[in-house]
PDB file of all heavy atoms in Angstrom:
ATOM      1  N   HIS A   1       0.801  -1.229  -0.008  1.00  0.00           N
ATOM      2  CA  HIS A   1      -0.055  -0.015   0.020  1.00  0.00           C
ATOM      3  C   HIS A   1       0.836   1.211  -0.037  1.00  0.00           C
ATOM      4  O   HIS A   1       0.440   2.299  -0.500  1.00  0.00           O
ATOM      5  CB  HIS A   1      -1.012  -0.095   1.178  1.00  0.00           C
ATOM      6  CG  HIS A   1      -2.104  -0.972   1.007  1.00  0.00           C
ATOM      7  ND1 HIS A   1      -2.972  -0.836  -0.002  1.00  0.00           N
ATOM      8  CD2 HIS A   1      -2.420  -2.069   1.772  1.00  0.00           C
ATOM      9  CE1 HIS A   1      -3.905  -1.816   0.024  1.00  0.00           C
ATOM     10  NE2 HIS A   1      -3.604  -2.649   1.014  1.00  0.00           N
ATOM     11  N   ILE A   2       2.059   1.241   0.488  1.00  0.00           N
ATOM     12  CA  ILE A   2       2.969   2.340   0.557  1.00  0.00           C
ATOM     13  C   ILE A   2       3.203   2.714  -0.895  1.00  0.00           C
ATOM     14  O   ILE A   2       3.431   4.015  -1.210  1.00  0.00           O
ATOM     15  CB  ILE A   2       4.277   1.985   1.348  1.00  0.00           C
ATOM     16  CG1 ILE A   2       4.048   2.181   2.817  1.00  0.00           C
ATOM     17  CG2 ILE A   2       5.431   2.960   0.966  1.00  0.00           C
ATOM     18  CD1 ILE A   2       5.173   1.663   3.647  1.00  0.00           C
ATOM     19  N   ASP A   3       3.402   1.782  -1.748  1.00  0.00           N
ATOM     20  CA  ASP A   3       3.656   2.132  -3.122  1.00  0.00           C
ATOM     21  C   ASP A   3       2.708   3.038  -3.841  1.00  0.00           C
ATOM     22  O   ASP A   3       3.028   3.830  -4.678  1.00  0.00           O
ATOM     23  CB  ASP A   3       3.765   0.790  -4.002  1.00  0.00           C
ATOM     24  CG  ASP A   3       4.989   0.011  -3.652  1.00  0.00           C
ATOM     25  OD1 ASP A   3       5.934   0.538  -3.160  1.00  0.00           O
ATOM     26  OD2 ASP A   3       5.052  -1.230  -3.971  1.00  0.00           O
ATOM     27  N   LYS A   4       1.397   3.065  -3.357  1.00  0.00           N
ATOM     28  CA  LYS A   4       0.389   3.842  -3.939  1.00  0.00           C
ATOM     29  C   LYS A   4       0.633   5.314  -3.758  1.00  0.00           C
ATOM     30  O   LYS A   4       0.262   6.227  -4.485  1.00  0.00           O
ATOM     31  CB  LYS A   4      -0.979   3.501  -3.240  1.00  0.00           C
ATOM     32  CG  LYS A   4      -1.602   2.147  -3.509  1.00  0.00           C
ATOM     33  CD  LYS A   4      -2.851   2.015  -2.760  1.00  0.00           C
ATOM     34  CE  LYS A   4      -3.474   0.555  -3.041  1.00  0.00           C
ATOM     35  NZ  LYS A   4      -4.665   0.421  -2.339  1.00  0.00           N
ATOM     36  N   PHE A   5       1.497   5.743  -2.599  1.00  0.00           N
ATOM     37  CA  PHE A   5       1.719   7.072  -2.343  1.00  0.00           C
ATOM     38  C   PHE A   5       2.710   7.712  -3.358  1.00  0.00           C
ATOM     39  O   PHE A   5       2.767   8.876  -3.484  1.00  0.00           O
ATOM     40  CB  PHE A   5       2.212   7.207  -0.872  1.00  0.00           C
ATOM     41  CG  PHE A   5       1.030   7.222   0.072  1.00  0.00           C
ATOM     42  CD1 PHE A   5       0.519   5.946   0.419  1.00  0.00           C
ATOM     43  CD2 PHE A   5       0.443   8.293   0.472  1.00  0.00           C
ATOM     44  CE1 PHE A   5      -0.550   5.796   1.328  1.00  0.00           C
ATOM     45  CE2 PHE A   5      -0.489   8.289   1.421  1.00  0.00           C
ATOM     46  CZ  PHE A   5      -1.041   6.992   1.830  1.00  0.00           C
ATOM     47  N   GLY A   6       3.654   6.851  -3.882  1.00  0.00           N
ATOM     48  CA  GLY A   6       4.557   7.287  -4.924  1.00  0.00           C
ATOM     49  C   GLY A   6       5.652   8.280  -4.328  1.00  0.00           C
ATOM     50  O   GLY A   6       6.181   9.126  -5.125  1.00  0.00           O
ATOM     51  N   VAL A   7       5.969   8.227  -3.133  1.00  0.00           N
ATOM     52  CA  VAL A   7       7.131   8.987  -2.494  1.00  0.00           C
ATOM     53  C   VAL A   7       8.025   8.072  -1.819  1.00  0.00           C
ATOM     54  O   VAL A   7       7.660   6.898  -1.525  1.00  0.00           O
ATOM     55  CB  VAL A   7       6.603  10.047  -1.439  1.00  0.00           C
ATOM     56  CG1 VAL A   7       5.736  11.019  -2.123  1.00  0.00           C
ATOM     57  CG2 VAL A   7       5.822   9.373  -0.235  1.00  0.00           C
ATOM     58  N   GLY A   8       9.207   8.443  -1.680  1.00  0.00           N
ATOM     59  CA  GLY A   8      10.205   7.566  -1.094  1.00  0.00           C
ATOM     60  C   GLY A   8      10.372   7.865   0.384  1.00  0.00           C
ATOM     61  O   GLY A   8       9.620   8.528   1.047  1.00  0.00           O
ATOM     62  N   PRO A   9      11.480   7.272   0.976  1.00  0.00           N
ATOM     63  CA  PRO A   9      11.737   7.377   2.393  1.00  0.00           C
ATOM     64  C   PRO A   9      11.905   8.753   2.958  1.00  0.00           C
ATOM     65  O   PRO A   9      11.781   9.058   4.170  1.00  0.00           O
ATOM     66  CB  PRO A   9      12.986   6.564   2.655  1.00  0.00           C
ATOM     67  CG  PRO A   9      13.231   5.733   1.446  1.00  0.00           C
ATOM     68  CD  PRO A   9      12.470   6.543   0.352  1.00  0.00           C
ATOM     69  N   GLU A  10      12.095   9.684   2.076  1.00  0.00           N
ATOM     70  CA  GLU A  10      12.328  11.087   2.597  1.00  0.00           C
ATOM     71  C   GLU A  10      10.939  11.692   3.097  1.00  0.00           C
ATOM     72  O   GLU A  10      10.913  12.579   4.013  1.00  0.00           O
ATOM     73  CB  GLU A  10      12.894  11.980   1.473  1.00  0.00           C
ATOM     74  CG  GLU A  10      12.011  12.283   0.264  1.00  0.00           C
ATOM     75  CD  GLU A  10      11.905  11.096  -0.694  1.00  0.00           C
ATOM     76  OE1 GLU A  10      12.767  10.114  -0.610  1.00  0.00           O
ATOM     77  OE2 GLU A  10      11.180  11.148  -1.647  1.00  0.00           O
ATOM     78  N   ARG A  11       9.778  11.132   2.623  1.00  0.00           N
ATOM     79  CA  ARG A  11       8.589  11.650   3.146  1.00  0.00           C
ATOM     80  C   ARG A  11       7.579  10.547   3.616  1.00  0.00           C
ATOM     81  O   ARG A  11       6.552  10.802   4.083  1.00  0.00           O
ATOM     82  CB  ARG A  11       7.786  12.421   1.987  1.00  0.00           C
ATOM     83  CG  ARG A  11       8.595  13.694   1.579  1.00  0.00           C
ATOM     84  CD  ARG A  11       7.741  14.866   1.577  1.00  0.00           C
ATOM     85  NE  ARG A  11       6.586  14.752   0.668  1.00  0.00           N
ATOM     86  CZ  ARG A  11       6.550  14.903  -0.520  1.00  0.00           C
ATOM     87  NH1 ARG A  11       7.515  15.113  -1.297  1.00  0.00           N
ATOM     88  NH2 ARG A  11       5.333  14.820  -1.144  1.00  0.00           N
ATOM     89  N   MET A  12       8.063   9.324   3.527  1.00  0.00           N
ATOM     90  CA  MET A  12       7.238   8.153   4.008  1.00  0.00           C
ATOM     91  C   MET A  12       7.905   7.554   5.174  1.00  0.00           C
ATOM     92  O   MET A  12       9.142   7.279   5.057  1.00  0.00           O
ATOM     93  CB  MET A  12       7.051   7.117   2.917  1.00  0.00           C
ATOM     94  CG  MET A  12       6.332   5.808   3.358  1.00  0.00           C
ATOM     95  SD  MET A  12       4.564   6.122   3.761  1.00  0.00           S
ATOM     96  CE  MET A  12       3.854   6.495   2.246  1.00  0.00           C
ATOM     97  N   MET A  13       7.215   7.442   6.274  1.00  0.00           N
ATOM     98  CA  MET A  13       7.791   6.901   7.521  1.00  0.00           C
ATOM     99  C   MET A  13       6.950   5.622   7.846  1.00  0.00           C
ATOM    100  O   MET A  13       5.877   5.392   7.389  1.00  0.00           O
ATOM    101  CB  MET A  13       7.735   7.748   8.693  1.00  0.00           C
ATOM    102  CG  MET A  13       8.633   9.017   8.508  1.00  0.00           C
ATOM    103  SD  MET A  13       8.375  10.253   9.802  1.00  0.00           S
ATOM    104  CE  MET A  13       7.150  11.217   8.952  1.00  0.00           C
ATOM    105  N   PHE A  14       7.598   4.677   8.539  1.00  0.00           N
ATOM    106  CA  PHE A  14       6.978   3.410   8.912  1.00  0.00           C
ATOM    107  C   PHE A  14       7.203   2.998  10.353  1.00  0.00           C
ATOM    108  O   PHE A  14       8.440   3.224  10.805  1.00  0.00           O
ATOM    109  CB  PHE A  14       7.531   2.404   8.005  1.00  0.00           C
ATOM    110  CG  PHE A  14       7.045   0.887   8.351  1.00  0.00           C
ATOM    111  CD1 PHE A  14       5.813   0.489   7.980  1.00  0.00           C
ATOM    112  CD2 PHE A  14       7.971   0.127   8.909  1.00  0.00           C
ATOM    113  CE1 PHE A  14       5.377  -0.826   8.374  1.00  0.00           C
ATOM    114  CE2 PHE A  14       7.605  -1.267   9.175  1.00  0.00           C
ATOM    115  CZ  PHE A  14       6.357  -1.644   8.924  1.00  0.00           C
ATOM    116  N   LEU A  15       6.224   2.442  11.121  1.00  0.00           N
ATOM    117  CA  LEU A  15       6.457   1.914  12.261  1.00  0.00           C
ATOM    118  C   LEU A  15       5.591   0.619  12.640  1.00  0.00           C
ATOM    119  O   LEU A  15       4.697   0.493  11.833  1.00  0.00           O
ATOM    120  CB  LEU A  15       6.286   2.887  13.368  1.00  0.00           C
ATOM    121  CG  LEU A  15       4.850   3.511  13.621  1.00  0.00           C
ATOM    122  CD1 LEU A  15       4.068   2.679  14.665  1.00  0.00           C
ATOM    123  CD2 LEU A  15       4.930   4.910  14.216  1.00  0.00           C
ATOM    124  N   VAL A  16       6.115  -0.150  13.361  1.00  0.00           N
ATOM    125  CA  VAL A  16       5.346  -1.409  13.760  1.00  0.00           C
ATOM    126  C   VAL A  16       4.714  -1.261  15.169  1.00  0.00           C
ATOM    127  O   VAL A  16       5.455  -0.804  16.112  1.00  0.00           O
ATOM    128  CB  VAL A  16       6.333  -2.630  13.835  1.00  0.00           C
ATOM    129  CG1 VAL A  16       5.510  -3.841  14.326  1.00  0.00           C
ATOM    130  CG2 VAL A  16       6.891  -2.836  12.453  1.00  0.00           C
ATOM    131  N   ASN A  17       3.454  -1.488  15.188  1.00  0.00           N
ATOM    132  CA  ASN A  17       2.726  -1.357  16.523  1.00  0.00           C
ATOM    133  C   ASN A  17       2.403  -2.772  16.994  1.00  0.00           C
ATOM    134  O   ASN A  17       2.253  -3.733  16.333  1.00  0.00           O
ATOM    135  CB  ASN A  17       1.362  -0.595  16.246  1.00  0.00           C
ATOM    136  CG  ASN A  17       0.688  -0.090  17.533  1.00  0.00           C
ATOM    137  OD1 ASN A  17       1.296  -0.048  18.482  1.00  0.00           O
ATOM    138  ND2 ASN A  17      -0.548   0.215  17.370  1.00  0.00           N
ATOM    139  N   LYS A  18       2.250  -2.790  18.329  1.00  0.00           N
ATOM    140  CA  LYS A  18       1.853  -4.030  19.013  1.00  0.00           C
ATOM    141  C   LYS A  18       2.905  -5.146  18.821  1.00  0.00           C
ATOM    142  O   LYS A  18       2.602  -6.328  18.577  1.00  0.00           O
ATOM    143  CB  LYS A  18       0.442  -4.582  18.631  1.00  0.00           C
ATOM    144  CG  LYS A  18      -0.622  -3.611  18.873  1.00  0.00           C
ATOM    145  CD  LYS A  18      -1.997  -4.133  18.484  1.00  0.00           C
ATOM    146  CE  LYS A  18      -3.049  -3.086  18.808  1.00  0.00           C
ATOM    147  NZ  LYS A  18      -4.423  -3.565  18.363  1.00  0.00           N
ATOM    148  N   MET A  19       4.242  -4.815  18.873  1.00  0.00           N
ATOM    149  CA  MET A  19       5.245  -5.706  18.759  1.00  0.00           C
ATOM    150  C   MET A  19       5.373  -6.648  19.937  1.00  0.00           C
ATOM    151  O   MET A  19       5.181  -6.174  21.137  1.00  0.00           O
ATOM    152  CB  MET A  19       6.593  -4.919  18.707  1.00  0.00           C
ATOM    153  CG  MET A  19       7.785  -5.767  18.396  1.00  0.00           C
ATOM    154  SD  MET A  19       7.626  -6.530  16.749  1.00  0.00           S
ATOM    155  CE  MET A  19       9.269  -6.088  16.104  1.00  0.00           C
ATOM    156  N   THR A  20       5.567  -7.936  19.718  1.00  0.00           N
ATOM    157  CA  THR A  20       5.563  -8.918  20.836  1.00  0.00           C
ATOM    158  C   THR A  20       6.990  -9.572  20.780  1.00  0.00           C
ATOM    159  O   THR A  20       7.596  -9.585  19.723  1.00  0.00           O
ATOM    160  CB  THR A  20       4.481  -9.944  20.638  1.00  0.00           C
ATOM    161  OG1 THR A  20       4.570 -10.558  19.296  1.00  0.00           O
ATOM    162  CG2 THR A  20       3.091  -9.340  20.762  1.00  0.00           C
ATOM    163  N   ALA A  21       7.326 -10.153  21.810  1.00  0.00           N
ATOM    164  CA  ALA A  21       8.705 -10.885  21.882  1.00  0.00           C
ATOM    165  C   ALA A  21       8.738 -12.023  20.860  1.00  0.00           C
ATOM    166  O   ALA A  21       9.767 -12.324  20.403  1.00  0.00           O
ATOM    167  CB  ALA A  21       8.915 -11.371  23.320  1.00  0.00           C
ATOM    168  N   ASP A  22       7.601 -12.668  20.596  1.00  0.00           N
ATOM    169  CA  ASP A  22       7.701 -13.814  19.669  1.00  0.00           C
ATOM    170  C   ASP A  22       7.452 -13.422  18.159  1.00  0.00           C
ATOM    171  O   ASP A  22       7.251 -14.280  17.371  1.00  0.00           O
ATOM    172  CB  ASP A  22       6.595 -14.974  20.155  1.00  0.00           C
ATOM    173  CG  ASP A  22       5.265 -14.467  20.121  1.00  0.00           C
ATOM    174  OD1 ASP A  22       5.019 -13.157  19.920  1.00  0.00           O
ATOM    175  OD2 ASP A  22       4.250 -15.282  20.266  1.00  0.00           O
ATOM    176  N   SER A  23       7.374 -12.221  17.944  1.00  0.00           N
ATOM    177  CA  SER A  23       7.178 -11.755  16.474  1.00  0.00           C
ATOM    178  C   SER A  23       8.410 -12.196  15.668  1.00  0.00           C
ATOM    179  O   SER A  23       9.524 -12.113  16.142  1.00  0.00           O
ATOM    180  CB  SER A  23       7.169 -10.173  16.447  1.00  0.00           C
ATOM    181  OG  SER A  23       7.047  -9.749  15.082  1.00  0.00           O
ATOM    182  N   PRO A  24       8.108 -12.608  14.459  1.00  0.00           N
ATOM    183  CA  PRO A  24       9.185 -12.983  13.587  1.00  0.00           C
ATOM    184  C   PRO A  24       9.927 -11.907  12.961  1.00  0.00           C
ATOM    185  O   PRO A  24      10.976 -12.008  12.328  1.00  0.00           O
ATOM    186  CB  PRO A  24       8.408 -13.695  12.434  1.00  0.00           C
ATOM    187  CG  PRO A  24       7.003 -13.206  12.438  1.00  0.00           C
ATOM    188  CD  PRO A  24       6.723 -12.763  13.841  1.00  0.00           C
ATOM    189  N   LEU A  25       9.468 -10.651  13.223  1.00  0.00           N
ATOM    190  CA  LEU A  25      10.156  -9.429  12.662  1.00  0.00           C
ATOM    191  C   LEU A  25      11.448  -9.038  13.415  1.00  0.00           C
ATOM    192  O   LEU A  25      11.536  -9.242  14.648  1.00  0.00           O
ATOM    193  CB  LEU A  25       9.243  -8.226  12.732  1.00  0.00           C
ATOM    194  CG  LEU A  25       7.921  -8.338  11.984  1.00  0.00           C
ATOM    195  CD1 LEU A  25       7.111  -7.149  12.139  1.00  0.00           C
ATOM    196  CD2 LEU A  25       8.240  -8.504  10.501  1.00  0.00           C
ATOM    197  N   SER A  26      12.386  -8.744  12.758  1.00  0.00           N
ATOM    198  CA  SER A  26      13.622  -8.226  13.304  1.00  0.00           C
ATOM    199  C   SER A  26      14.024  -6.924  12.608  1.00  0.00           C
ATOM    200  O   SER A  26      13.501  -6.633  11.581  1.00  0.00           O
ATOM    201  CB  SER A  26      14.798  -9.242  13.159  1.00  0.00           C
ATOM    202  OG  SER A  26      15.090  -9.344  11.722  1.00  0.00           O
ATOM    203  N   GLN A  27      15.002  -6.121  13.160  1.00  0.00           N
ATOM    204  CA  GLN A  27      15.367  -4.977  12.546  1.00  0.00           C
ATOM    205  C   GLN A  27      15.828  -5.199  11.116  1.00  0.00           C
ATOM    206  O   GLN A  27      15.685  -4.482  10.157  1.00  0.00           O
ATOM    207  CB  GLN A  27      16.502  -4.234  13.352  1.00  0.00           C
ATOM    208  CG  GLN A  27      16.798  -2.899  12.894  1.00  0.00           C
ATOM    209  CD  GLN A  27      15.616  -1.938  13.075  1.00  0.00           C
ATOM    210  OE1 GLN A  27      14.677  -2.013  13.962  1.00  0.00           O
ATOM    211  NE2 GLN A  27      15.487  -1.037  12.203  1.00  0.00           N
ATOM    212  N   GLU A  28      16.627  -6.346  11.016  1.00  0.00           N
ATOM    213  CA  GLU A  28      17.202  -6.735   9.751  1.00  0.00           C
ATOM    214  C   GLU A  28      16.088  -6.920   8.699  1.00  0.00           C
ATOM    215  O   GLU A  28      16.064  -6.523   7.525  1.00  0.00           O
ATOM    216  CB  GLU A  28      18.035  -8.011   9.862  1.00  0.00           C
ATOM    217  CG  GLU A  28      18.602  -8.469   8.538  1.00  0.00           C
ATOM    218  CD  GLU A  28      19.356  -9.833   8.730  1.00  0.00           C
ATOM    219  OE1 GLU A  28      19.735 -10.170   9.790  1.00  0.00           O
ATOM    220  OE2 GLU A  28      19.478 -10.545   7.599  1.00  0.00           O
ATOM    221  N   ILE A  29      14.983  -7.741   9.087  1.00  0.00           N
ATOM    222  CA  ILE A  29      13.857  -8.045   8.122  1.00  0.00           C
ATOM    223  C   ILE A  29      13.200  -6.616   7.898  1.00  0.00           C
ATOM    224  O   ILE A  29      12.852  -6.469   6.657  1.00  0.00           O
ATOM    225  CB  ILE A  29      12.951  -8.946   8.753  1.00  0.00           C
ATOM    226  CG1 ILE A  29      13.568 -10.416   8.903  1.00  0.00           C
ATOM    227  CG2 ILE A  29      11.675  -9.087   8.021  1.00  0.00           C
ATOM    228  CD1 ILE A  29      12.726 -11.434   9.642  1.00  0.00           C
ATOM    229  N   LEU A  30      12.896  -5.853   8.814  1.00  0.00           N
ATOM    230  CA  LEU A  30      12.282  -4.584   8.574  1.00  0.00           C
ATOM    231  C   LEU A  30      13.044  -3.768   7.617  1.00  0.00           C
ATOM    232  O   LEU A  30      12.532  -3.113   6.648  1.00  0.00           O
ATOM    233  CB  LEU A  30      12.116  -3.785   9.861  1.00  0.00           C
ATOM    234  CG  LEU A  30      10.934  -4.349  10.745  1.00  0.00           C
ATOM    235  CD1 LEU A  30      10.965  -3.588  12.082  1.00  0.00           C
ATOM    236  CD2 LEU A  30       9.659  -4.448  10.106  1.00  0.00           C
ATOM    237  N   GLN A  31      14.477  -3.687   7.678  1.00  0.00           N
ATOM    238  CA  GLN A  31      15.263  -2.913   6.872  1.00  0.00           C
ATOM    239  C   GLN A  31      15.262  -3.429   5.460  1.00  0.00           C
ATOM    240  O   GLN A  31      15.167  -2.673   4.518  1.00  0.00           O
ATOM    241  CB  GLN A  31      16.702  -2.798   7.422  1.00  0.00           C
ATOM    242  CG  GLN A  31      17.518  -1.796   6.812  1.00  0.00           C
ATOM    243  CD  GLN A  31      17.004  -0.360   6.997  1.00  0.00           C
ATOM    244  OE1 GLN A  31      16.727   0.065   8.101  1.00  0.00           O
ATOM    245  NE2 GLN A  31      16.900   0.376   5.825  1.00  0.00           N
ATOM    246  N   ARG A  32      15.242  -4.780   5.355  1.00  0.00           N
ATOM    247  CA  ARG A  32      15.303  -5.333   4.094  1.00  0.00           C
ATOM    248  C   ARG A  32      14.011  -5.150   3.306  1.00  0.00           C
ATOM    249  O   ARG A  32      13.876  -4.951   2.098  1.00  0.00           O
ATOM    250  CB  ARG A  32      15.567  -6.895   4.135  1.00  0.00           C
ATOM    251  CG  ARG A  32      15.875  -7.615   2.759  1.00  0.00           C
ATOM    252  CD  ARG A  32      16.473  -8.999   3.048  1.00  0.00           C
ATOM    253  NE  ARG A  32      15.453  -9.858   3.722  1.00  0.00           N
ATOM    254  CZ  ARG A  32      15.631 -10.442   4.793  1.00  0.00           C
ATOM    255  NH1 ARG A  32      16.706 -10.404   5.498  1.00  0.00           N
ATOM    256  NH2 ARG A  32      14.609 -11.279   5.326  1.00  0.00           N
ATOM    257  N   THR A  33      12.786  -5.374   3.986  1.00  0.00           N
ATOM    258  CA  THR A  33      11.484  -5.255   3.340  1.00  0.00           C
ATOM    259  C   THR A  33      11.063  -3.767   3.159  1.00  0.00           C
ATOM    260  O   THR A  33      10.291  -3.560   2.163  1.00  0.00           O
ATOM    261  CB  THR A  33      10.421  -6.011   4.113  1.00  0.00           C
ATOM    262  OG1 THR A  33      10.387  -5.578   5.490  1.00  0.00           O
ATOM    263  CG2 THR A  33      10.777  -7.502   4.081  1.00  0.00           C
ATOM    264  N   MET A  34      11.335  -2.908   4.184  1.00  0.00           N
ATOM    265  CA  MET A  34      10.760  -1.576   4.121  1.00  0.00           C
ATOM    266  C   MET A  34      11.768  -0.468   3.884  1.00  0.00           C
ATOM    267  O   MET A  34      11.405   0.692   3.494  1.00  0.00           O
ATOM    268  CB  MET A  34      10.014  -1.306   5.384  1.00  0.00           C
ATOM    269  CG  MET A  34       8.905  -2.271   5.755  1.00  0.00           C
ATOM    270  SD  MET A  34       7.560  -2.295   4.539  1.00  0.00           S
ATOM    271  CE  MET A  34       6.803  -0.758   4.951  1.00  0.00           C
ATOM    272  N   GLY A  35      13.037  -0.756   4.091  1.00  0.00           N
ATOM    273  CA  GLY A  35      14.061   0.340   4.091  1.00  0.00           C
ATOM    274  C   GLY A  35      14.132   1.196   2.794  1.00  0.00           C
ATOM    275  O   GLY A  35      14.405   2.416   2.923  1.00  0.00           O
ATOM    276  N   VAL A  36      13.871   0.605   1.637  1.00  0.00           N
ATOM    277  CA  VAL A  36      13.958   1.424   0.428  1.00  0.00           C
ATOM    278  C   VAL A  36      12.634   2.164   0.152  1.00  0.00           C
ATOM    279  O   VAL A  36      12.599   3.064  -0.603  1.00  0.00           O
ATOM    280  CB  VAL A  36      14.213   0.519  -0.809  1.00  0.00           C
ATOM    281  CG1 VAL A  36      15.599  -0.141  -0.714  1.00  0.00           C
ATOM    282  CG2 VAL A  36      13.142  -0.534  -1.003  1.00  0.00           C
ATOM    283  N   LYS A  37      11.586   1.886   0.915  1.00  0.00           N
ATOM    284  CA  LYS A  37      10.386   2.461   0.664  1.00  0.00           C
ATOM    285  C   LYS A  37       9.882   3.522   1.719  1.00  0.00           C
ATOM    286  O   LYS A  37       9.234   4.467   1.463  1.00  0.00           O
ATOM    287  CB  LYS A  37       9.276   1.471   0.702  1.00  0.00           C
ATOM    288  CG  LYS A  37       9.347   0.516  -0.398  1.00  0.00           C
ATOM    289  CD  LYS A  37       8.256  -0.557  -0.495  1.00  0.00           C
ATOM    290  CE  LYS A  37       8.284  -1.462  -1.636  1.00  0.00           C
ATOM    291  NZ  LYS A  37       8.156  -0.879  -2.946  1.00  0.00           N
ATOM    292  N   ALA A  38      10.483   3.366   2.994  1.00  0.00           N
ATOM    293  CA  ALA A  38      10.177   4.256   4.014  1.00  0.00           C
ATOM    294  C   ALA A  38      11.282   4.384   5.079  1.00  0.00           C
ATOM    295  O   ALA A  38      12.116   3.536   5.077  1.00  0.00           O
ATOM    296  CB  ALA A  38       8.973   3.720   4.719  1.00  0.00           C
ATOM    297  N   THR A  39      11.333   5.446   5.760  1.00  0.00           N
ATOM    298  CA  THR A  39      12.188   5.527   6.956  1.00  0.00           C
ATOM    299  C   THR A  39      11.623   4.854   8.157  1.00  0.00           C
ATOM    300  O   THR A  39      10.476   5.147   8.506  1.00  0.00           O
ATOM    301  CB  THR A  39      12.454   7.120   7.334  1.00  0.00           C
ATOM    302  OG1 THR A  39      12.958   7.734   6.207  1.00  0.00           O
ATOM    303  CG2 THR A  39      13.394   7.209   8.521  1.00  0.00           C
ATOM    304  N   ILE A  40      12.337   3.908   8.596  1.00  0.00           N
ATOM    305  CA  ILE A  40      11.746   2.996   9.681  1.00  0.00           C
ATOM    306  C   ILE A  40      12.022   3.817  10.955  1.00  0.00           C
ATOM    307  O   ILE A  40      13.180   4.025  11.422  1.00  0.00           O
ATOM    308  CB  ILE A  40      12.451   1.660   9.705  1.00  0.00           C
ATOM    309  CG1 ILE A  40      12.207   0.924   8.356  1.00  0.00           C
ATOM    310  CG2 ILE A  40      11.993   0.871  10.940  1.00  0.00           C
ATOM    311  CD1 ILE A  40      12.996  -0.335   8.142  1.00  0.00           C
ATOM    312  N   MET A  41      10.932   4.098  11.695  1.00  0.00           N
ATOM    313  CA  MET A  41      11.002   4.961  12.834  1.00  0.00           C
ATOM    314  C   MET A  41      11.209   4.075  14.179  1.00  0.00           C
ATOM    315  O   MET A  41      11.674   4.631  15.129  1.00  0.00           O
ATOM    316  CB  MET A  41       9.659   5.753  13.044  1.00  0.00           C
ATOM    317  CG  MET A  41       9.462   6.681  11.872  1.00  0.00           C
ATOM    318  SD  MET A  41      10.931   7.865  11.457  1.00  0.00           S
ATOM    319  CE  MET A  41      10.915   8.898  12.849  1.00  0.00           C
ATOM    320  N   GLY A  42      10.721   2.826  14.099  1.00  0.00           N
ATOM    321  CA  GLY A  42      10.839   1.983  15.243  1.00  0.00           C
ATOM    322  C   GLY A  42       9.639   1.086  15.507  1.00  0.00           C
ATOM    323  O   GLY A  42       8.783   0.925  14.630  1.00  0.00           O
TER     324      GLY A  42
END
């Protein structure tokens, strides 16, 4: 859905809500999947 906005990480930010200890997400996965599309805020 971020692609619909047509802007890059300079104006698109991203965060993950409701993070749990057993989530499969890591900083590396977030950077690889979202880093070119948005600035990862945390």
